[in-house]
Protein backbone atom coordinates (compact mmCIF):
# COMPACT_ATOMS: atom_id res chain seq x y z
CA MET A 1 29.24 5.35 24.43
CA PRO A 2 27.08 4.50 27.44
CA LEU A 3 23.35 4.77 26.96
CA THR A 4 22.64 5.52 30.59
CA PRO A 5 22.87 9.05 31.95
CA PRO A 6 26.43 9.91 33.10
CA PHE A 7 24.94 12.05 35.87
CA GLY A 8 21.81 12.12 37.98
CA HIS A 9 18.56 10.98 36.39
CA LEU A 10 16.71 14.13 37.45
CA ALA A 11 19.38 16.39 36.00
CA HIS A 12 19.41 14.34 32.80
CA ALA A 13 15.63 14.52 32.45
CA ALA A 14 15.70 18.28 33.09
CA LEU A 15 18.24 18.74 30.29
CA ILE A 16 16.24 16.59 27.86
CA TYR A 17 12.96 18.35 28.59
CA GLY A 18 14.65 21.74 28.53
CA GLY A 19 16.25 21.07 25.14
CA ALA A 20 12.95 19.70 23.78
CA LEU A 21 11.08 22.81 24.94
CA VAL A 22 13.65 25.15 23.38
CA SER A 23 13.44 23.20 20.12
CA GLY A 24 9.64 23.30 20.31
CA LEU A 25 9.74 27.05 20.89
CA ALA A 26 11.89 27.45 17.77
CA ALA A 27 9.38 25.42 15.75
CA HIS A 28 6.60 27.57 17.21
CA ARG A 29 8.37 30.75 16.13
CA ILE A 30 8.74 29.35 12.61
CA GLY A 31 5.00 28.63 12.56
CA PHE A 32 4.88 24.85 12.33
CA PRO A 33 1.67 23.05 13.30
CA LEU A 34 2.25 20.78 16.31
CA PRO A 35 5.50 22.67 16.97
CA TRP A 36 6.16 21.27 20.43
CA MET A 37 5.90 17.70 19.17
CA LEU A 38 8.01 18.28 16.05
CA GLY A 39 10.59 20.31 17.94
CA ALA A 40 10.91 17.72 20.71
CA MET A 41 11.17 14.94 18.13
CA VAL A 42 13.99 16.66 16.23
CA PHE A 43 15.86 17.38 19.47
CA ALA A 44 15.57 13.82 20.81
CA ALA A 45 16.59 12.34 17.46
CA GLY A 46 19.64 14.61 17.39
CA VAL A 47 20.67 13.51 20.87
CA ARG A 48 20.34 9.81 20.00
CA LEU A 49 22.13 10.17 16.65
CA ALA A 50 24.97 11.78 18.60
CA ASP A 51 25.06 8.50 20.53
CA ARG A 52 23.96 10.11 23.77
CA PRO A 53 21.20 8.77 26.04
CA VAL A 54 17.59 9.90 26.19
CA ALA A 55 16.63 8.22 29.46
CA ILE A 56 13.03 9.32 29.94
CA PRO A 57 10.47 7.22 31.89
CA VAL A 58 8.30 5.16 29.55
CA GLN A 59 5.27 6.39 31.48
CA THR A 60 5.68 9.83 29.88
CA ARG A 61 4.59 8.42 26.53
CA GLN A 62 1.52 6.92 28.16
CA ILE A 63 0.71 10.21 29.89
CA GLY A 64 1.04 12.06 26.59
CA GLN A 65 -1.27 9.60 24.87
CA VAL A 66 -3.91 9.85 27.61
CA LEU A 67 -3.88 13.65 27.59
CA VAL A 68 -4.21 13.96 23.82
CA ALA A 69 -6.74 11.14 23.57
CA ALA A 70 -8.94 12.62 26.28
CA SER A 71 -8.85 15.96 24.45
CA VAL A 72 -9.94 14.21 21.26
CA GLY A 73 -12.71 12.36 23.10
CA LEU A 74 -14.41 15.70 23.81
CA SER A 75 -15.55 15.79 20.18
CA PHE A 76 -17.68 12.64 20.52
CA THR A 77 -20.91 14.42 21.35
CA PRO A 78 -24.18 12.58 20.71
CA ASP A 79 -24.75 14.62 17.53
CA ALA A 80 -21.25 13.85 16.22
CA VAL A 81 -21.59 10.12 16.89
CA ALA A 82 -24.97 10.01 15.13
CA ALA A 83 -23.51 11.81 12.12
CA MET A 84 -20.69 9.23 11.88
CA GLY A 85 -23.02 6.24 11.76
CA SER A 86 -23.52 6.51 8.01
CA MET A 87 -19.72 6.42 7.51
CA LEU A 88 -19.11 3.01 9.12
CA GLY A 89 -18.98 1.25 5.75
CA ALA A 90 -16.40 3.74 4.48
CA MET A 91 -14.36 3.23 7.66
CA LEU A 92 -14.28 -0.55 7.25
CA ALA A 93 -13.50 -0.24 3.54
CA SER A 94 -10.66 2.17 4.34
CA ALA A 95 -9.16 -0.26 6.85
CA ALA A 96 -9.31 -3.14 4.36
CA LEU A 97 -7.88 -1.02 1.54
CA THR A 98 -5.04 0.10 3.82
CA VAL A 99 -4.03 -3.54 4.27
CA GLY A 100 -4.17 -4.03 0.50
CA ILE A 101 -2.06 -0.93 -0.07
CA GLY A 102 0.38 -2.24 2.54
CA PHE A 103 0.85 -5.45 0.53
CA ALA A 104 1.41 -3.43 -2.67
CA VAL A 105 4.05 -1.32 -0.92
CA ALA A 106 5.61 -4.50 0.50
CA ALA A 107 6.03 -5.83 -3.05
CA ALA A 108 7.88 -2.64 -3.98
CA LEU A 109 10.01 -2.84 -0.82
CA MET A 110 11.02 -6.42 -1.65
CA ARG A 111 12.38 -5.26 -5.01
CA LEU A 112 14.09 -2.15 -3.66
CA ALA A 113 15.67 -3.65 -0.54
CA ARG A 114 15.89 -7.32 -1.56
CA VAL A 115 14.27 -8.48 1.68
CA ASP A 116 12.03 -11.44 2.35
CA VAL A 117 8.27 -11.13 2.11
CA ILE A 118 7.64 -11.33 5.89
CA THR A 119 10.04 -8.46 6.58
CA ALA A 120 8.49 -6.44 3.75
CA VAL A 121 4.90 -6.99 4.89
CA LEU A 122 5.70 -6.27 8.54
CA SER A 123 7.45 -3.08 7.43
CA SER A 124 4.60 -1.89 5.21
CA ILE A 125 1.25 -2.63 6.87
CA PRO A 126 0.54 0.09 9.47
CA MET A 127 0.99 -1.32 12.96
CA GLY A 128 3.01 -0.29 15.96
CA PRO A 129 6.80 -0.79 16.07
CA VAL A 130 6.44 -2.97 19.17
CA GLU A 131 3.75 -5.20 17.64
CA SER A 132 5.70 -5.57 14.40
CA ALA A 133 8.93 -6.43 16.26
CA VAL A 134 7.20 -9.19 18.24
CA LEU A 135 5.75 -10.68 15.04
CA ALA A 136 9.15 -10.47 13.34
CA GLN A 137 10.74 -12.49 16.14
CA THR A 138 7.85 -14.97 16.06
CA HIS A 139 8.40 -15.60 12.34
CA GLY A 140 12.19 -15.71 12.52
CA VAL A 141 13.13 -12.47 10.78
CA ALA A 142 15.33 -9.66 12.08
CA PRO A 143 13.22 -7.10 13.99
CA GLY A 144 15.64 -4.16 13.46
CA PRO A 145 14.65 -3.23 9.89
CA VAL A 146 10.97 -3.72 10.72
CA VAL A 147 11.13 -1.41 13.74
CA PHE A 148 13.01 1.16 11.68
CA ALA A 149 10.45 1.08 8.84
CA GLN A 150 7.48 1.37 11.19
CA THR A 151 9.07 4.22 13.14
CA LEU A 152 10.09 5.99 9.94
CA ARG A 153 6.48 5.76 8.69
CA ILE A 154 5.16 7.38 11.85
CA THR A 155 7.83 10.08 11.76
CA ALA A 156 7.26 10.83 8.08
CA LEU A 157 3.53 11.20 8.68
CA VAL A 158 4.11 13.64 11.52
CA ILE A 159 6.60 15.70 9.51
CA VAL A 160 4.77 15.70 6.17
CA ILE A 161 1.00 15.57 6.61
CA PRO A 162 0.12 18.15 9.29
CA PRO A 163 2.21 21.00 7.77
CA THR A 164 1.02 20.14 4.26
CA ILE A 165 -2.66 19.96 5.20
CA VAL A 166 -2.54 23.20 7.20
CA ALA A 167 -0.66 24.98 4.40
CA LEU A 168 -3.06 23.79 1.70
CA ASP A 169 -6.08 24.67 3.82
CA GLY A 170 -4.97 28.27 3.88
CA THR A 171 -7.50 29.39 6.50
CA VAL A 172 -5.39 28.69 9.59
CA ARG A 173 -3.16 31.69 10.28
CA ASP A 174 -1.87 30.53 13.66
CA PRO A 175 -2.14 26.76 14.34
CA VAL A 176 -1.02 27.20 17.94
CA ALA A 177 -3.65 29.84 18.65
CA VAL A 178 -6.39 27.48 17.47
CA LEU A 179 -5.42 24.91 20.09
CA ALA A 180 -4.74 27.54 22.75
CA ARG A 181 -8.15 29.25 22.48
CA THR A 182 -10.07 26.32 23.97
CA GLU A 183 -12.26 27.22 26.94
CA TRP A 184 -11.67 25.26 30.13
CA ASN A 185 -12.12 25.29 33.88
CA LEU A 186 -10.31 23.41 36.62
CA HIS A 187 -13.17 21.09 37.62
CA GLY A 188 -14.03 20.22 34.02
CA ALA A 189 -10.40 19.54 33.08
CA ALA A 190 -9.93 17.35 36.18
CA LEU A 191 -13.06 15.35 35.32
CA LEU A 192 -11.81 14.91 31.75
CA ALA A 193 -8.48 13.62 33.07
CA LEU A 194 -10.26 11.14 35.33
CA ALA A 195 -12.42 9.93 32.44
CA GLY A 196 -9.35 9.45 30.23
CA ILE A 197 -7.31 7.67 32.89
CA GLY A 198 -10.25 5.45 33.84
CA GLY A 199 -10.84 4.46 30.23
CA ALA A 200 -7.13 3.73 29.70
CA LEU A 201 -6.95 1.49 32.78
CA VAL A 202 -10.06 -0.44 31.73
CA ALA A 203 -8.71 -0.90 28.20
CA ARG A 204 -5.40 -2.11 29.56
CA ARG A 205 -7.16 -4.56 31.86
CA LEU A 206 -9.11 -5.92 28.90
CA GLY A 207 -5.96 -6.30 26.81
CA ILE A 208 -7.07 -3.85 24.12
CA ALA A 209 -4.36 -2.72 21.69
CA ASN A 210 -2.94 0.77 22.30
CA PRO A 211 -4.93 1.11 25.56
CA PHE A 212 -3.60 4.49 26.63
CA PHE A 213 -4.97 6.09 23.49
CA VAL A 214 -7.98 3.95 22.64
CA GLY A 215 -9.14 3.59 26.23
CA ALA A 216 -8.67 7.26 27.06
CA ILE A 217 -10.69 8.25 24.00
CA GLY A 218 -13.41 5.81 25.06
CA GLY A 219 -13.57 7.19 28.58
CA ALA A 220 -13.67 10.82 27.45
CA ALA A 221 -16.13 10.07 24.65
CA LEU A 222 -18.47 8.35 27.12
CA ALA A 223 -18.29 11.36 29.41
CA ALA A 224 -19.06 13.66 26.47
CA ALA A 225 -21.94 11.49 25.30
CA LEU A 226 -23.40 11.55 28.82
CA SER A 227 -23.09 15.36 28.85
CA LEU A 228 -20.95 15.32 31.98
CA PRO A 229 -19.44 18.73 32.87
CA ILE A 230 -16.07 18.07 31.27
CA THR A 231 -13.97 20.75 29.58
CA ALA A 232 -10.75 20.84 27.60
CA PHE A 233 -7.34 20.97 29.25
CA PRO A 234 -5.46 24.26 29.44
CA TYR A 235 -3.10 24.65 26.49
CA PRO A 236 0.11 24.14 28.54
CA VAL A 237 -1.12 20.60 29.26
CA LEU A 238 -1.35 19.90 25.52
CA VAL A 239 2.13 21.36 25.11
CA LEU A 240 3.40 18.93 27.74
CA ALA A 241 1.69 16.02 25.99
CA GLN A 242 3.22 17.01 22.64
CA VAL A 243 6.68 17.22 24.20
CA PHE A 244 6.30 13.78 25.83
CA LEU A 245 5.23 12.17 22.54
CA GLY A 246 7.82 14.03 20.46
CA ILE A 247 10.69 12.90 22.68
CA TRP A 248 9.51 9.30 22.48
CA LEU A 249 9.33 9.41 18.67
CA GLY A 250 12.73 11.02 18.26
CA ALA A 251 14.49 8.78 20.78
CA VAL A 252 13.88 5.71 18.62
CA PHE A 253 16.39 6.88 16.00
CA ASP A 254 19.64 5.72 17.57
CA ARG A 255 22.89 5.01 15.76
CA ASP A 256 22.73 1.27 16.25
CA LEU A 257 19.30 1.01 14.64
CA LEU A 258 20.44 3.03 11.63
CA ARG A 259 23.67 1.06 11.43
CA ARG A 260 21.84 -2.26 11.40
CA ALA A 261 19.37 -1.05 8.78
CA ARG A 262 21.88 0.93 6.68
CA GLY A 263 21.24 -0.82 3.37
CA PHE A 264 17.53 -0.85 4.12
CA VAL A 265 17.19 2.89 4.83
CA PRO A 266 16.73 4.31 1.28
CA ALA A 267 14.16 1.67 0.38
CA ALA A 268 12.29 2.24 3.65
CA VAL A 269 12.14 5.99 2.97
CA VAL A 270 10.73 5.41 -0.51
CA SER A 271 8.19 2.83 0.69
CA SER A 272 7.03 5.08 3.56
CA LEU A 273 6.43 7.96 1.17
CA LEU A 274 4.69 5.62 -1.29
CA LEU A 275 2.40 4.33 1.45
CA THR A 276 1.58 7.89 2.51
CA VAL A 277 0.82 9.00 -1.06
CA LEU A 278 -1.35 5.96 -1.84
CA CYS A 279 -3.36 6.36 1.37
CA ALA A 280 -3.78 10.08 0.67
CA GLY A 281 -5.11 9.15 -2.76
CA MET A 282 -7.55 6.74 -1.12
CA GLY A 283 -8.66 9.54 1.20
CA LEU A 284 -9.30 11.91 -1.69
CA GLY A 285 -11.24 9.17 -3.47
CA LEU A 286 -13.39 8.57 -0.40
CA ALA A 287 -13.91 12.33 -0.11
CA GLY A 288 -15.40 12.35 -3.61
CA LEU A 289 -17.65 9.39 -2.79
CA THR A 290 -18.83 10.58 0.62
CA GLY A 291 -18.93 14.33 0.14
CA GLN A 292 -16.57 14.91 3.08
CA PRO A 293 -13.84 17.57 2.81
CA GLY A 294 -10.64 16.33 1.16
CA PRO A 295 -8.26 17.43 3.96
CA VAL A 296 -10.40 15.69 6.56
CA MET A 297 -10.40 12.43 4.63
CA VAL A 298 -6.65 12.58 3.99
CA LEU A 299 -6.15 12.89 7.75
CA ALA A 300 -8.70 10.11 8.34
CA THR A 301 -6.96 7.65 5.99
CA ALA A 302 -3.35 8.48 6.89
CA PRO A 303 -1.60 5.17 7.65
CA GLY A 304 -1.03 5.77 11.33
CA SER A 305 -0.21 8.57 13.79
CA VAL A 306 -3.78 8.91 15.06
CA THR A 307 -2.64 11.29 17.80
CA GLU A 308 -1.05 13.73 15.38
CA MET A 309 -3.81 13.47 12.76
CA ALA A 310 -6.45 14.13 15.41
CA LEU A 311 -4.57 17.20 16.64
CA THR A 312 -4.30 18.45 13.05
CA ALA A 313 -8.06 18.03 12.59
CA LYS A 314 -8.50 20.01 15.79
CA ILE A 315 -6.34 22.77 14.32
CA LEU A 316 -8.51 22.79 11.18
CA GLN A 317 -11.60 22.84 13.44
CA GLU A 318 -13.22 20.31 11.16
CA GLY A 319 -13.93 16.58 11.24
CA LEU A 320 -12.12 15.76 14.50
CA ALA A 321 -14.51 12.99 15.55
CA LEU A 322 -14.61 11.57 12.02
CA VAL A 323 -10.81 11.49 11.68
CA THR A 324 -10.47 9.77 15.05
CA ALA A 325 -13.20 7.24 14.28
CA PHE A 326 -11.53 6.23 10.99
CA HIS A 327 -8.25 5.62 12.79
CA LEU A 328 -9.84 3.69 15.62
CA VAL A 329 -11.69 1.40 13.21
CA ARG A 330 -8.43 0.76 11.34
CA ILE A 331 -6.61 0.03 14.61
CA PHE A 332 -9.29 -2.45 15.69
CA VAL A 333 -9.25 -4.13 12.26
CA ILE A 334 -5.48 -4.39 11.77
CA ILE A 335 -3.84 -4.76 15.19
CA PRO A 336 -5.93 -7.69 16.53
CA ASN A 337 -5.60 -9.45 13.16
CA ALA A 338 -1.94 -8.65 12.46
CA GLY A 339 -0.78 -12.07 13.64
CA ARG A 340 -3.32 -13.79 11.38
CA ILE A 341 -2.31 -11.63 8.39
CA ILE A 342 1.39 -12.39 8.81
CA GLY A 343 0.72 -16.06 9.60
CA LEU A 344 -1.34 -16.45 6.42
CA THR A 345 1.37 -14.70 4.43
CA ALA A 346 4.01 -17.04 5.86
CA ARG A 347 1.91 -20.12 5.03
CA LEU A 348 1.30 -18.92 1.46
CA VAL A 349 5.00 -18.23 0.96
CA GLY A 350 5.86 -21.64 2.44
CA ARG A 351 3.50 -23.43 0.07
CA ARG A 352 4.89 -21.49 -2.88
CA GLY A 353 8.42 -22.46 -1.85
CA ASP A 354 7.56 -26.18 -1.59
């Protein structure tokens, strides 16, 4: 089947966005947290698994990241940043432990899927699908299973953690209403958008990993710290951002990817769940050591999906800046050093094989 739209691109995009919105509305009626993202993700995945195209401009993912990241950056007030200073050690320890947990999960994946150590490590240490695919090609292993495992991890986190945390919290009656109640005005929202876009462009220019999220948070956080007259976006803007990101996540699951990774799929599912459970256990342990709420620390130590974990913290109205800071520290520890980690692993395996 062709993977390009059989009709006009505008008509195709309208159908994709329309279907994603209808699916998001259904998830909203059911009462899911982040319904527009989950609904859009399920719809896009269904379209791709039916071997039909999801031809959406790549810029929509970047726009979604900037919008959500700028919203998160609002929480970085001077008081919040000062309160997080004492947690820097815990953030660095969490990042290092996440790498260690990734190696433990990789060992399990090697046994379950009978794959080589490089494939297993690239599939298990939290990093982006694109970054892991590039490293797989660099080290001469097939990128397909690695991309599948990384994407499955992100998807599993989005599907499992936000609904579970919100359900266990028990105080949030309407997750959508919590996000929709935010006060805003046109000038403040426009200034927030400019701060987020400016930060994203600077981060991209500097070659920072994940610039459209990290940079946008930085720009918005700087504006908040300087007490500029920024406000939140109106809720429909967050809905749009969730739909953009949900479609991107779901569109990754095409038939060819699943076909290539068929024998790898069950093991990848088990390893993704194992990684999630072990990191949640680490979060609960850190909660006991630091005195922070357990749900906040589980969100903070989740192995990826910073956008979704930050939105969930926003729904809980607790620990948003802390959750985001934990994820950003992990990103800056793992992503820039991913090549070194895999290179060292390859050298150690090579020596052992000699």
